[in-house]
Amino acid sequence: DALVDDSLFMHARWIAAGNDADLAVYP
């Protein structure tokens, strides 16, 4: 997906802000 970075980056920032987050990556 052309938007793969968006989920990777936002997941990291969500957690860095102190929120719970999960990331599902589909090959």
mmCIF file of all heavy atoms, coordinates in Angstrom:
data_MODEL
# 
_entry.id   MODEL 
# 
loop_
_atom_site.group_PDB 
_atom_site.id 
_atom_site.type_symbol 
_atom_site.label_atom_id 
_atom_site.label_alt_id 
_atom_site.label_comp_id 
_atom_site.label_asym_id 
_atom_site.label_entity_id 
_atom_site.label_seq_id 
_atom_site.pdbx_PDB_ins_code 
_atom_site.Cartn_x 
_atom_site.Cartn_y 
_atom_site.Cartn_z 
_atom_site.occupancy 
_atom_site.B_iso_or_equiv 
_atom_site.pdbx_formal_charge 
_atom_site.auth_seq_id 
_atom_site.auth_comp_id 
_atom_site.auth_asym_id 
_atom_site.auth_atom_id 
_atom_site.pdbx_PDB_model_num 
ATOM 1   N N   . ASP A 1 1  ? 0.849  -1.190  0.000  1.00 0.00 ? 1  ASP A N   1 
ATOM 2   C CA  . ASP A 1 1  ? 0.000  0.000   0.000  1.00 0.00 ? 1  ASP A CA  1 
ATOM 3   C C   . ASP A 1 1  ? 0.884  1.239   0.000  1.00 0.00 ? 1  ASP A C   1 
ATOM 4   O O   . ASP A 1 1  ? 1.835  1.334   0.788  1.00 0.00 ? 1  ASP A O   1 
ATOM 5   C CB  . ASP A 1 1  ? -0.889 -0.009  1.254  1.00 0.00 ? 1  ASP A CB  1 
ATOM 6   C CG  . ASP A 1 1  ? -1.996 1.025   1.233  1.00 0.00 ? 1  ASP A CG  1 
ATOM 7   O OD1 . ASP A 1 1  ? -1.853 2.068   0.554  1.00 0.00 ? 1  ASP A OD1 1 
ATOM 8   O OD2 . ASP A 1 1  ? -3.010 0.800   1.919  1.00 0.00 ? 1  ASP A OD2 1 
ATOM 9   N N   . ALA A 1 2  ? 0.570  2.190   -0.854 1.00 0.00 ? 2  ALA A N   1 
ATOM 10  C CA  . ALA A 1 2  ? 1.318  3.450   -0.870 1.00 0.00 ? 2  ALA A CA  1 
ATOM 11  C C   . ALA A 1 2  ? 1.241  4.183   0.460  1.00 0.00 ? 2  ALA A C   1 
ATOM 12  O O   . ALA A 1 2  ? 2.089  5.033   0.760  1.00 0.00 ? 2  ALA A O   1 
ATOM 13  C CB  . ALA A 1 2  ? 0.784  4.355   -1.984 1.00 0.00 ? 2  ALA A CB  1 
ATOM 14  N N   . LEU A 1 3  ? 0.250  3.854   1.282  1.00 0.00 ? 3  LEU A N   1 
ATOM 15  C CA  . LEU A 1 3  ? 0.062  4.533   2.561  1.00 0.00 ? 3  LEU A CA  1 
ATOM 16  C C   . LEU A 1 3  ? 0.652  3.757   3.735  1.00 0.00 ? 3  LEU A C   1 
ATOM 17  O O   . LEU A 1 3  ? 0.329  4.051   4.889  1.00 0.00 ? 3  LEU A O   1 
ATOM 18  C CB  . LEU A 1 3  ? -1.434 4.772   2.813  1.00 0.00 ? 3  LEU A CB  1 
ATOM 19  C CG  . LEU A 1 3  ? -2.187 5.551   1.734  1.00 0.00 ? 3  LEU A CG  1 
ATOM 20  C CD1 . LEU A 1 3  ? -3.638 5.762   2.150  1.00 0.00 ? 3  LEU A CD1 1 
ATOM 21  C CD2 . LEU A 1 3  ? -1.534 6.899   1.460  1.00 0.00 ? 3  LEU A CD2 1 
ATOM 22  N N   . VAL A 1 4  ? 1.537  2.799   3.461  1.00 0.00 ? 4  VAL A N   1 
ATOM 23  C CA  . VAL A 1 4  ? 2.051  1.978   4.565  1.00 0.00 ? 4  VAL A CA  1 
ATOM 24  C C   . VAL A 1 4  ? 2.775  2.826   5.604  1.00 0.00 ? 4  VAL A C   1 
ATOM 25  O O   . VAL A 1 4  ? 2.628  2.611   6.815  1.00 0.00 ? 4  VAL A O   1 
ATOM 26  C CB  . VAL A 1 4  ? 2.947  0.839   4.028  1.00 0.00 ? 4  VAL A CB  1 
ATOM 27  C CG1 . VAL A 1 4  ? 4.188  1.361   3.321  1.00 0.00 ? 4  VAL A CG1 1 
ATOM 28  C CG2 . VAL A 1 4  ? 3.321  -0.114  5.159  1.00 0.00 ? 4  VAL A CG2 1 
ATOM 29  N N   . ASP A 1 5  ? 3.547  3.821   5.186  1.00 0.00 ? 5  ASP A N   1 
ATOM 30  C CA  . ASP A 1 5  ? 4.248  4.666   6.154  1.00 0.00 ? 5  ASP A CA  1 
ATOM 31  C C   . ASP A 1 5  ? 3.291  5.384   7.089  1.00 0.00 ? 5  ASP A C   1 
ATOM 32  O O   . ASP A 1 5  ? 3.606  5.595   8.266  1.00 0.00 ? 5  ASP A O   1 
ATOM 33  C CB  . ASP A 1 5  ? 5.102  5.717   5.441  1.00 0.00 ? 5  ASP A CB  1 
ATOM 34  C CG  . ASP A 1 5  ? 6.437  5.162   4.958  1.00 0.00 ? 5  ASP A CG  1 
ATOM 35  O OD1 . ASP A 1 5  ? 6.757  4.000   5.264  1.00 0.00 ? 5  ASP A OD1 1 
ATOM 36  O OD2 . ASP A 1 5  ? 7.155  5.913   4.261  1.00 0.00 ? 5  ASP A OD2 1 
ATOM 37  N N   . ASP A 1 6  ? 2.140  5.787   6.569  1.00 0.00 ? 6  ASP A N   1 
ATOM 38  C CA  . ASP A 1 6  ? 1.193  6.549   7.383  1.00 0.00 ? 6  ASP A CA  1 
ATOM 39  C C   . ASP A 1 6  ? 0.788  5.771   8.624  1.00 0.00 ? 6  ASP A C   1 
ATOM 40  O O   . ASP A 1 6  ? 0.740  6.318   9.735  1.00 0.00 ? 6  ASP A O   1 
ATOM 41  C CB  . ASP A 1 6  ? -0.030 6.918   6.547  1.00 0.00 ? 6  ASP A CB  1 
ATOM 42  C CG  . ASP A 1 6  ? 0.302  7.874   5.420  1.00 0.00 ? 6  ASP A CG  1 
ATOM 43  O OD1 . ASP A 1 6  ? 0.959  7.443   4.461  1.00 0.00 ? 6  ASP A OD1 1 
ATOM 44  O OD2 . ASP A 1 6  ? -0.067 9.055   5.512  1.00 0.00 ? 6  ASP A OD2 1 
ATOM 45  N N   . SER A 1 7  ? 0.481  4.484   8.451  1.00 0.00 ? 7  SER A N   1 
ATOM 46  C CA  . SER A 1 7  ? 0.102  3.666   9.602  1.00 0.00 ? 7  SER A CA  1 
ATOM 47  C C   . SER A 1 7  ? 1.293  3.410   10.516 1.00 0.00 ? 7  SER A C   1 
ATOM 48  O O   . SER A 1 7  ? 1.167  3.444   11.752 1.00 0.00 ? 7  SER A O   1 
ATOM 49  C CB  . SER A 1 7  ? -0.495 2.331   9.144  1.00 0.00 ? 7  SER A CB  1 
ATOM 50  O OG  . SER A 1 7  ? -1.772 2.523   8.571  1.00 0.00 ? 7  SER A OG  1 
ATOM 51  N N   . LEU A 1 8  ? 2.471  3.140   9.937  1.00 0.00 ? 8  LEU A N   1 
ATOM 52  C CA  . LEU A 1 8  ? 3.654  2.908   10.762 1.00 0.00 ? 8  LEU A CA  1 
ATOM 53  C C   . LEU A 1 8  ? 3.981  4.138   11.600 1.00 0.00 ? 8  LEU A C   1 
ATOM 54  O O   . LEU A 1 8  ? 4.253  4.028   12.806 1.00 0.00 ? 8  LEU A O   1 
ATOM 55  C CB  . LEU A 1 8  ? 4.853  2.546   9.879  1.00 0.00 ? 8  LEU A CB  1 
ATOM 56  C CG  . LEU A 1 8  ? 4.725  1.337   8.956  1.00 0.00 ? 8  LEU A CG  1 
ATOM 57  C CD1 . LEU A 1 8  ? 6.041  1.076   8.234  1.00 0.00 ? 8  LEU A CD1 1 
ATOM 58  C CD2 . LEU A 1 8  ? 4.287  0.104   9.720  1.00 0.00 ? 8  LEU A CD2 1 
ATOM 59  N N   . PHE A 1 9  ? 3.958  5.302   10.979 1.00 0.00 ? 9  PHE A N   1 
ATOM 60  C CA  . PHE A 1 9  ? 4.327  6.530   11.681 1.00 0.00 ? 9  PHE A CA  1 
ATOM 61  C C   . PHE A 1 9  ? 3.274  6.909   12.722 1.00 0.00 ? 9  PHE A C   1 
ATOM 62  O O   . PHE A 1 9  ? 3.593  7.277   13.854 1.00 0.00 ? 9  PHE A O   1 
ATOM 63  C CB  . PHE A 1 9  ? 4.490  7.688   10.686 1.00 0.00 ? 9  PHE A CB  1 
ATOM 64  C CG  . PHE A 1 9  ? 5.602  7.530   9.698  1.00 0.00 ? 9  PHE A CG  1 
ATOM 65  C CD1 . PHE A 1 9  ? 5.753  8.455   8.671  1.00 0.00 ? 9  PHE A CD1 1 
ATOM 66  C CD2 . PHE A 1 9  ? 6.492  6.464   9.754  1.00 0.00 ? 9  PHE A CD2 1 
ATOM 67  C CE1 . PHE A 1 9  ? 6.775  8.333   7.743  1.00 0.00 ? 9  PHE A CE1 1 
ATOM 68  C CE2 . PHE A 1 9  ? 7.517  6.326   8.823  1.00 0.00 ? 9  PHE A CE2 1 
ATOM 69  C CZ  . PHE A 1 9  ? 7.659  7.270   7.805  1.00 0.00 ? 9  PHE A CZ  1 
ATOM 70  N N   . MET A 1 10 ? 1.994  6.822   12.347 1.00 0.00 ? 10 MET A N   1 
ATOM 71  C CA  . MET A 1 10 ? 0.930  7.246   13.258 1.00 0.00 ? 10 MET A CA  1 
ATOM 72  C C   . MET A 1 10 ? 0.815  6.296   14.443 1.00 0.00 ? 10 MET A C   1 
ATOM 73  O O   . MET A 1 10 ? 0.563  6.733   15.576 1.00 0.00 ? 10 MET A O   1 
ATOM 74  C CB  . MET A 1 10 ? -0.396 7.338   12.507 1.00 0.00 ? 10 MET A CB  1 
ATOM 75  C CG  . MET A 1 10 ? -1.505 8.055   13.267 1.00 0.00 ? 10 MET A CG  1 
ATOM 76  S SD  . MET A 1 10 ? -1.148 9.818   13.538 1.00 0.00 ? 10 MET A SD  1 
ATOM 77  C CE  . MET A 1 10 ? -2.806 10.432  13.882 1.00 0.00 ? 10 MET A CE  1 
ATOM 78  N N   . HIS A 1 11 ? 1.012  5.011   14.213 1.00 0.00 ? 11 HIS A N   1 
ATOM 79  C CA  . HIS A 1 11 ? 1.008  4.047   15.309 1.00 0.00 ? 11 HIS A CA  1 
ATOM 80  C C   . HIS A 1 11 ? 2.093  4.412   16.320 1.00 0.00 ? 11 HIS A C   1 
ATOM 81  O O   . HIS A 1 11 ? 1.853  4.419   17.537 1.00 0.00 ? 11 HIS A O   1 
ATOM 82  C CB  . HIS A 1 11 ? 1.236  2.644   14.749 1.00 0.00 ? 11 HIS A CB  1 
ATOM 83  C CG  . HIS A 1 11 ? 1.484  1.604   15.792 1.00 0.00 ? 11 HIS A CG  1 
ATOM 84  N ND1 . HIS A 1 11 ? 2.736  1.086   16.039 1.00 0.00 ? 11 HIS A ND1 1 
ATOM 85  C CD2 . HIS A 1 11 ? 0.650  0.990   16.661 1.00 0.00 ? 11 HIS A CD2 1 
ATOM 86  C CE1 . HIS A 1 11 ? 2.665  0.190   17.014 1.00 0.00 ? 11 HIS A CE1 1 
ATOM 87  N NE2 . HIS A 1 11 ? 1.407  0.111   17.402 1.00 0.00 ? 11 HIS A NE2 1 
ATOM 88  N N   . ALA A 1 12 ? 3.288  4.738   15.838 1.00 0.00 ? 12 ALA A N   1 
ATOM 89  C CA  . ALA A 1 12 ? 4.381  5.096   16.735 1.00 0.00 ? 12 ALA A CA  1 
ATOM 90  C C   . ALA A 1 12 ? 4.079  6.373   17.504 1.00 0.00 ? 12 ALA A C   1 
ATOM 91  O O   . ALA A 1 12 ? 4.324  6.458   18.717 1.00 0.00 ? 12 ALA A O   1 
ATOM 92  C CB  . ALA A 1 12 ? 5.676  5.258   15.931 1.00 0.00 ? 12 ALA A CB  1 
ATOM 93  N N   . ARG A 1 13 ? 3.529  7.356   16.830 1.00 0.00 ? 13 ARG A N   1 
ATOM 94  C CA  . ARG A 1 13 ? 3.213  8.622   17.506 1.00 0.00 ? 13 ARG A CA  1 
ATOM 95  C C   . ARG A 1 13 ? 2.068  8.461   18.496 1.00 0.00 ? 13 ARG A C   1 
ATOM 96  O O   . ARG A 1 13 ? 2.040  9.116   19.539 1.00 0.00 ? 13 ARG A O   1 
ATOM 97  C CB  . ARG A 1 13 ? 2.869  9.717   16.483 1.00 0.00 ? 13 ARG A CB  1 
ATOM 98  C CG  . ARG A 1 13 ? 4.065  10.229  15.693 1.00 0.00 ? 13 ARG A CG  1 
ATOM 99  C CD  . ARG A 1 13 ? 3.954  11.720  15.410 1.00 0.00 ? 13 ARG A CD  1 
ATOM 100 N NE  . ARG A 1 13 ? 3.937  12.485  16.633 1.00 0.00 ? 13 ARG A NE  1 
ATOM 101 C CZ  . ARG A 1 13 ? 2.992  13.372  16.960 1.00 0.00 ? 13 ARG A CZ  1 
ATOM 102 N NH1 . ARG A 1 13 ? 1.964  13.591  16.142 1.00 0.00 ? 13 ARG A NH1 1 
ATOM 103 N NH2 . ARG A 1 13 ? 3.061  14.042  18.089 1.00 0.00 ? 13 ARG A NH2 1 
ATOM 104 N N   . TRP A 1 14 ? 1.103  7.606   18.172 1.00 0.00 ? 14 TRP A N   1 
ATOM 105 C CA  . TRP A 1 14 ? -0.025 7.346   19.071 1.00 0.00 ? 14 TRP A CA  1 
ATOM 106 C C   . TRP A 1 14 ? 0.497  6.779   20.397 1.00 0.00 ? 14 TRP A C   1 
ATOM 107 O O   . TRP A 1 14 ? 0.102  7.219   21.475 1.00 0.00 ? 14 TRP A O   1 
ATOM 108 C CB  . TRP A 1 14 ? -0.986 6.365   18.409 1.00 0.00 ? 14 TRP A CB  1 
ATOM 109 C CG  . TRP A 1 14 ? -2.405 6.402   18.883 1.00 0.00 ? 14 TRP A CG  1 
ATOM 110 C CD1 . TRP A 1 14 ? -2.947 5.669   19.895 1.00 0.00 ? 14 TRP A CD1 1 
ATOM 111 C CD2 . TRP A 1 14 ? -3.480 7.192   18.349 1.00 0.00 ? 14 TRP A CD2 1 
ATOM 112 N NE1 . TRP A 1 14 ? -4.297 5.938   20.025 1.00 0.00 ? 14 TRP A NE1 1 
ATOM 113 C CE2 . TRP A 1 14 ? -4.647 6.874   19.085 1.00 0.00 ? 14 TRP A CE2 1 
ATOM 114 C CE3 . TRP A 1 14 ? -3.568 8.125   17.318 1.00 0.00 ? 14 TRP A CE3 1 
ATOM 115 C CZ2 . TRP A 1 14 ? -5.886 7.466   18.819 1.00 0.00 ? 14 TRP A CZ2 1 
ATOM 116 C CZ3 . TRP A 1 14 ? -4.803 8.710   17.054 1.00 0.00 ? 14 TRP A CZ3 1 
ATOM 117 C CH2 . TRP A 1 14 ? -5.936 8.380   17.799 1.00 0.00 ? 14 TRP A CH2 1 
ATOM 118 N N   . ILE A 1 15 ? 1.406  5.808   20.286 1.00 0.00 ? 15 ILE A N   1 
ATOM 119 C CA  . ILE A 1 15 ? 1.989  5.206   21.479 1.00 0.00 ? 15 ILE A CA  1 
ATOM 120 C C   . ILE A 1 15 ? 2.874  6.212   22.213 1.00 0.00 ? 15 ILE A C   1 
ATOM 121 O O   . ILE A 1 15 ? 2.846  6.299   23.451 1.00 0.00 ? 15 ILE A O   1 
ATOM 122 C CB  . ILE A 1 15 ? 2.793  3.951   21.089 1.00 0.00 ? 15 ILE A CB  1 
ATOM 123 C CG1 . ILE A 1 15 ? 1.842  2.824   20.672 1.00 0.00 ? 15 ILE A CG1 1 
ATOM 124 C CG2 . ILE A 1 15 ? 3.684  3.478   22.238 1.00 0.00 ? 15 ILE A CG2 1 
ATOM 125 C CD1 . ILE A 1 15 ? 2.546  1.594   20.171 1.00 0.00 ? 15 ILE A CD1 1 
ATOM 126 N N   . ALA A 1 16 ? 3.677  6.970   21.480 1.00 0.00 ? 16 ALA A N   1 
ATOM 127 C CA  . ALA A 1 16 ? 4.567  7.945   22.102 1.00 0.00 ? 16 ALA A CA  1 
ATOM 128 C C   . ALA A 1 16 ? 3.802  9.006   22.882 1.00 0.00 ? 16 ALA A C   1 
ATOM 129 O O   . ALA A 1 16 ? 4.345  9.623   23.811 1.00 0.00 ? 16 ALA A O   1 
ATOM 130 C CB  . ALA A 1 16 ? 5.442  8.612   21.043 1.00 0.00 ? 16 ALA A CB  1 
ATOM 131 N N   . ALA A 1 17 ? 2.540  9.222   22.516 1.00 0.00 ? 17 ALA A N   1 
ATOM 132 C CA  . ALA A 1 17 ? 1.694  10.180  23.237 1.00 0.00 ? 17 ALA A CA  1 
ATOM 133 C C   . ALA A 1 17 ? 1.069  9.564   24.477 1.00 0.00 ? 17 ALA A C   1 
ATOM 134 O O   . ALA A 1 17 ? 0.319  10.243  25.196 1.00 0.00 ? 17 ALA A O   1 
ATOM 135 C CB  . ALA A 1 17 ? 0.608  10.712  22.309 1.00 0.00 ? 17 ALA A CB  1 
ATOM 136 N N   . GLY A 1 18 ? 1.351  8.274   24.732 1.00 0.00 ? 18 GLY A N   1 
ATOM 137 C CA  . GLY A 1 18 ? 0.843  7.624   25.931 1.00 0.00 ? 18 GLY A CA  1 
ATOM 138 C C   . GLY A 1 18 ? -0.459 6.884   25.757 1.00 0.00 ? 18 GLY A C   1 
ATOM 139 O O   . GLY A 1 18 ? -1.097 6.505   26.742 1.00 0.00 ? 18 GLY A O   1 
ATOM 140 N N   . ASN A 1 19 ? -0.855 6.656   24.493 1.00 0.00 ? 19 ASN A N   1 
ATOM 141 C CA  . ASN A 1 19 ? -2.103 5.942   24.220 1.00 0.00 ? 19 ASN A CA  1 
ATOM 142 C C   . ASN A 1 19 ? -1.821 4.493   23.875 1.00 0.00 ? 19 ASN A C   1 
ATOM 143 O O   . ASN A 1 19 ? -0.768 4.162   23.335 1.00 0.00 ? 19 ASN A O   1 
ATOM 144 C CB  . ASN A 1 19 ? -2.833 6.593   23.039 1.00 0.00 ? 19 ASN A CB  1 
ATOM 145 C CG  . ASN A 1 19 ? -2.985 8.088   23.185 1.00 0.00 ? 19 ASN A CG  1 
ATOM 146 O OD1 . ASN A 1 19 ? -3.563 8.560   24.158 1.00 0.00 ? 19 ASN A OD1 1 
ATOM 147 N ND2 . ASN A 1 19 ? -2.462 8.842   22.219 1.00 0.00 ? 19 ASN A ND2 1 
ATOM 148 N N   . ASP A 1 20 ? -2.792 3.625   24.138 1.00 0.00 ? 20 ASP A N   1 
ATOM 149 C CA  . ASP A 1 20 ? -2.690 2.235   23.700 1.00 0.00 ? 20 ASP A CA  1 
ATOM 150 C C   . ASP A 1 20 ? -2.936 2.158   22.194 1.00 0.00 ? 20 ASP A C   1 
ATOM 151 O O   . ASP A 1 20 ? -3.811 2.855   21.655 1.00 0.00 ? 20 ASP A O   1 
ATOM 152 C CB  . ASP A 1 20 ? -3.733 1.369   24.407 1.00 0.00 ? 20 ASP A CB  1 
ATOM 153 C CG  . ASP A 1 20 ? -3.381 1.103   25.857 1.00 0.00 ? 20 ASP A CG  1 
ATOM 154 O OD1 . ASP A 1 20 ? -2.180 1.098   26.177 1.00 0.00 ? 20 ASP A OD1 1 
ATOM 155 O OD2 . ASP A 1 20 ? -4.309 0.906   26.665 1.00 0.00 ? 20 ASP A OD2 1 
ATOM 156 N N   . ALA A 1 21 ? -2.159 1.323   21.535 1.00 0.00 ? 21 ALA A N   1 
ATOM 157 C CA  . ALA A 1 21 ? -2.350 1.143   20.091 1.00 0.00 ? 21 ALA A CA  1 
ATOM 158 C C   . ALA A 1 21 ? -1.802 -0.200  19.666 1.00 0.00 ? 21 ALA A C   1 
ATOM 159 O O   . ALA A 1 21 ? -0.838 -0.713  20.246 1.00 0.00 ? 21 ALA A O   1 
ATOM 160 C CB  . ALA A 1 21 ? -1.661 2.255   19.307 1.00 0.00 ? 21 ALA A CB  1 
ATOM 161 N N   . ASP A 1 22 ? -2.421 -0.773  18.649 1.00 0.00 ? 22 ASP A N   1 
ATOM 162 C CA  . ASP A 1 22 ? -1.973 -2.020  18.050 1.00 0.00 ? 22 ASP A CA  1 
ATOM 163 C C   . ASP A 1 22 ? -1.800 -1.774  16.559 1.00 0.00 ? 22 ASP A C   1 
ATOM 164 O O   . ASP A 1 22 ? -2.448 -0.889  15.978 1.00 0.00 ? 22 ASP A O   1 
ATOM 165 C CB  . ASP A 1 22 ? -2.994 -3.130  18.300 1.00 0.00 ? 22 ASP A CB  1 
ATOM 166 C CG  . ASP A 1 22 ? -2.351 -4.500  18.361 1.00 0.00 ? 22 ASP A CG  1 
ATOM 167 O OD1 . ASP A 1 22 ? -1.162 -4.606  18.009 1.00 0.00 ? 22 ASP A OD1 1 
ATOM 168 O OD2 . ASP A 1 22 ? -3.036 -5.454  18.739 1.00 0.00 ? 22 ASP A OD2 1 
ATOM 169 N N   . LEU A 1 23 ? -0.928 -2.561  15.959 1.00 0.00 ? 23 LEU A N   1 
ATOM 170 C CA  . LEU A 1 23 ? -0.620 -2.418  14.538 1.00 0.00 ? 23 LEU A CA  1 
ATOM 171 C C   . LEU A 1 23 ? -0.718 -3.782  13.876 1.00 0.00 ? 23 LEU A C   1 
ATOM 172 O O   . LEU A 1 23 ? -0.083 -4.739  14.314 1.00 0.00 ? 23 LEU A O   1 
ATOM 173 C CB  . LEU A 1 23 ? 0.795  -1.849  14.369 1.00 0.00 ? 23 LEU A CB  1 
ATOM 174 C CG  . LEU A 1 23 ? 1.355  -1.751  12.950 1.00 0.00 ? 23 LEU A CG  1 
ATOM 175 C CD1 . LEU A 1 23 ? 0.530  -0.779  12.104 1.00 0.00 ? 23 LEU A CD1 1 
ATOM 176 C CD2 . LEU A 1 23 ? 2.819  -1.308  13.001 1.00 0.00 ? 23 LEU A CD2 1 
ATOM 177 N N   . ALA A 1 24 ? -1.538 -3.861  12.822 1.00 0.00 ? 24 ALA A N   1 
ATOM 178 C CA  . ALA A 1 24 ? -1.694 -5.095  12.056 1.00 0.00 ? 24 ALA A CA  1 
ATOM 179 C C   . ALA A 1 24 ? -1.160 -4.859  10.647 1.00 0.00 ? 24 ALA A C   1 
ATOM 180 O O   . ALA A 1 24 ? -1.700 -4.032  9.912  1.00 0.00 ? 24 ALA A O   1 
ATOM 181 C CB  . ALA A 1 24 ? -3.164 -5.508  12.009 1.00 0.00 ? 24 ALA A CB  1 
ATOM 182 N N   . VAL A 1 25 ? -0.093 -5.569  10.305 1.00 0.00 ? 25 VAL A N   1 
ATOM 183 C CA  . VAL A 1 25 ? 0.549  -5.419  8.999  1.00 0.00 ? 25 VAL A CA  1 
ATOM 184 C C   . VAL A 1 25 ? 0.299  -6.688  8.191  1.00 0.00 ? 25 VAL A C   1 
ATOM 185 O O   . VAL A 1 25 ? 0.605  -7.794  8.652  1.00 0.00 ? 25 VAL A O   1 
ATOM 186 C CB  . VAL A 1 25 ? 2.061  -5.177  9.155  1.00 0.00 ? 25 VAL A CB  1 
ATOM 187 C CG1 . VAL A 1 25 ? 2.731  -5.089  7.789  1.00 0.00 ? 25 VAL A CG1 1 
ATOM 188 C CG2 . VAL A 1 25 ? 2.313  -3.894  9.958  1.00 0.00 ? 25 VAL A CG2 1 
ATOM 189 N N   . TYR A 1 26 ? -0.239 -6.529  6.974  1.00 0.00 ? 26 TYR A N   1 
ATOM 190 C CA  . TYR A 1 26 ? -0.649 -7.664  6.150  1.00 0.00 ? 26 TYR A CA  1 
ATOM 191 C C   . TYR A 1 26 ? 0.267  -7.780  4.924  1.00 0.00 ? 26 TYR A C   1 
ATOM 192 O O   . TYR A 1 26 ? 0.230  -6.918  4.037  1.00 0.00 ? 26 TYR A O   1 
ATOM 193 C CB  . TYR A 1 26 ? -2.110 -7.502  5.734  1.00 0.00 ? 26 TYR A CB  1 
ATOM 194 C CG  . TYR A 1 26 ? -3.036 -7.539  6.932  1.00 0.00 ? 26 TYR A CG  1 
ATOM 195 C CD1 . TYR A 1 26 ? -3.401 -6.377  7.603  1.00 0.00 ? 26 TYR A CD1 1 
ATOM 196 C CD2 . TYR A 1 26 ? -3.494 -8.755  7.425  1.00 0.00 ? 26 TYR A CD2 1 
ATOM 197 C CE1 . TYR A 1 26 ? -4.219 -6.426  8.729  1.00 0.00 ? 26 TYR A CE1 1 
ATOM 198 C CE2 . TYR A 1 26 ? -4.305 -8.816  8.545  1.00 0.00 ? 26 TYR A CE2 1 
ATOM 199 C CZ  . TYR A 1 26 ? -4.669 -7.647  9.191  1.00 0.00 ? 26 TYR A CZ  1 
ATOM 200 O OH  . TYR A 1 26 ? -5.466 -7.704  10.308 1.00 0.00 ? 26 TYR A OH  1 
ATOM 201 N N   . PRO A 1 27 ? 1.092  -8.825  4.864  1.00 0.00 ? 27 PRO A N   1 
ATOM 202 C CA  . PRO A 1 27 ? 2.034  -8.975  3.752  1.00 0.00 ? 27 PRO A CA  1 
ATOM 203 C C   . PRO A 1 27 ? 1.328  -9.000  2.391  1.00 0.00 ? 27 PRO A C   1 
ATOM 204 O O   . PRO A 1 27 ? 0.442  -9.812  2.153  1.00 0.00 ? 27 PRO A O   1 
ATOM 205 C CB  . PRO A 1 27 ? 2.713  -10.316 4.040  1.00 0.00 ? 27 PRO A CB  1 
ATOM 206 C CG  . PRO A 1 27 ? 2.601  -10.489 5.518  1.00 0.00 ? 27 PRO A CG  1 
ATOM 207 C CD  . PRO A 1 27 ? 1.254  -9.905  5.863  1.00 0.00 ? 27 PRO A CD  1 
# 
